[in-house]
Protein backbone atom coordinates (compact mmCIF):
# COMPACT_ATOMS: atom_id res chain seq x y z
CA UNK A 1 0.00 0.00 0.00
CA UNK A 2 1.23 3.49 -0.81
CA UNK A 3 0.60 6.35 1.61
CA UNK A 4 0.43 9.80 0.05
CA UNK A 5 2.02 12.61 2.05
CA UNK A 6 -0.15 15.72 1.95
CA UNK A 7 1.43 18.12 4.37
CA UNK A 8 -0.60 21.01 5.76
CA UNK A 9 -3.10 22.85 3.61
CA UNK A 10 -3.76 26.53 4.25
CA UNK A 11 -7.48 27.11 3.75
CA UNK A 12 -8.60 30.26 1.99
CA UNK A 13 -9.87 32.94 4.35
CA UNK A 14 -13.56 33.62 4.05
CA UNK A 15 -14.55 30.17 2.77
CA UNK A 16 -18.21 29.62 3.56
CA UNK A 17 -20.17 26.34 3.74
CA UNK A 18 -22.42 27.02 0.78
CA UNK A 19 -23.36 25.40 -2.50
CA UNK A 20 -20.75 27.44 -4.40
CA UNK A 21 -17.96 26.09 -2.21
CA UNK A 22 -19.22 22.52 -2.60
CA UNK A 23 -19.46 22.99 -6.36
CA UNK A 24 -15.85 24.21 -6.42
CA UNK A 25 -14.77 20.72 -5.32
CA UNK A 26 -16.75 19.24 -8.22
CA UNK A 27 -15.30 21.77 -10.67
CA UNK A 28 -11.74 20.97 -9.63
CA UNK A 29 -12.41 17.22 -9.80
CA UNK A 30 -13.72 17.66 -13.35
CA UNK A 31 -10.49 19.48 -14.21
CA UNK A 32 -8.55 16.45 -12.95
CA UNK A 33 -10.46 14.27 -15.40
CA UNK A 34 -9.80 16.68 -18.28
CA UNK A 35 -6.07 16.87 -17.45
CA UNK A 36 -5.97 13.08 -17.36
CA UNK A 37 -7.62 12.92 -20.78
CA UNK A 38 -5.00 15.30 -22.20
CA UNK A 39 -2.24 13.02 -20.94
CA UNK A 40 -1.61 9.88 -22.97
CA UNK A 41 -2.16 7.23 -20.30
CA UNK A 42 -0.21 4.61 -22.24
CA UNK A 43 2.80 6.92 -22.53
CA UNK A 44 2.70 9.19 -19.48
CA UNK A 45 1.55 7.00 -16.63
CA UNK A 46 4.22 4.26 -16.74
CA UNK A 47 6.92 6.94 -16.79
CA UNK A 48 5.17 8.91 -14.05
CA UNK A 49 5.22 5.85 -11.81
CA UNK A 50 8.99 5.60 -12.24
CA UNK A 51 9.81 9.30 -11.93
CA UNK A 52 6.88 11.08 -10.24
CA UNK A 53 8.85 14.06 -8.95
CA UNK A 54 10.54 15.02 -12.20
CA UNK A 55 8.02 14.13 -14.87
CA UNK A 56 6.79 17.42 -16.32
CA UNK A 57 4.32 15.62 -18.55
CA UNK A 58 2.11 14.87 -15.55
CA UNK A 59 2.56 18.26 -13.86
CA UNK A 60 -0.77 19.69 -15.13
CA UNK A 61 -2.59 16.59 -13.87
CA UNK A 62 -0.93 16.65 -10.45
CA UNK A 63 -1.60 20.41 -10.21
CA UNK A 64 -5.30 19.74 -10.75
CA UNK A 65 -5.23 17.03 -8.07
CA UNK A 66 -3.71 19.57 -5.68
CA UNK A 67 -6.39 22.13 -6.62
CA UNK A 68 -9.06 19.54 -5.78
CA UNK A 69 -7.47 18.91 -2.38
CA UNK A 70 -7.33 22.68 -1.78
CA UNK A 71 -11.02 23.09 -2.64
CA UNK A 72 -11.95 20.16 -0.40
CA UNK A 73 -9.93 21.59 2.49
CA UNK A 74 -11.55 25.00 1.99
CA UNK A 75 -14.97 23.35 2.34
CA UNK A 76 -13.84 21.42 5.42
CA UNK A 77 -12.55 24.63 7.01
CA UNK A 78 -15.83 26.38 6.19
CA UNK A 79 -17.56 23.59 8.13
CA UNK A 80 -15.24 24.14 11.09
CA UNK A 81 -13.09 21.06 10.44
CA UNK A 82 -9.38 21.81 10.80
CA UNK A 83 -8.10 18.24 11.18
CA UNK A 84 -9.18 15.67 8.62
CA UNK A 85 -7.11 12.90 10.24
CA UNK A 86 -10.03 11.11 11.93
CA UNK A 87 -12.18 11.44 8.81
CA UNK A 88 -9.45 10.04 6.59
CA UNK A 89 -9.08 7.14 9.05
CA UNK A 90 -12.82 6.50 8.77
CA UNK A 91 -12.53 6.62 4.98
CA UNK A 92 -9.65 4.14 5.06
CA UNK A 93 -11.65 1.81 7.30
CA UNK A 94 -14.65 1.92 4.94
CA UNK A 95 -12.39 1.17 1.99
CA UNK A 96 -10.70 -1.64 3.89
CA UNK A 97 -14.12 -3.17 4.65
CA UNK A 98 -14.90 -2.98 0.92
CA UNK A 99 -11.68 -4.84 0.10
CA UNK A 100 -10.12 -1.97 -1.83
CA UNK A 101 -6.67 -2.45 -0.32
CA UNK A 102 -6.41 -6.10 -1.30
CA UNK A 103 -6.47 -7.22 2.33
Foldseek 3Di string as FASTA:
>chain_A
DDDDDDPAADADPPQAQDPVLVVQLVVLVVQLVVLVVVQDCVPQVVVCVVPVVPRPSCVSNVVSVVSSVRSVCNNCVNVVHRDCVVVVVVVVVVCVVVCVVVD
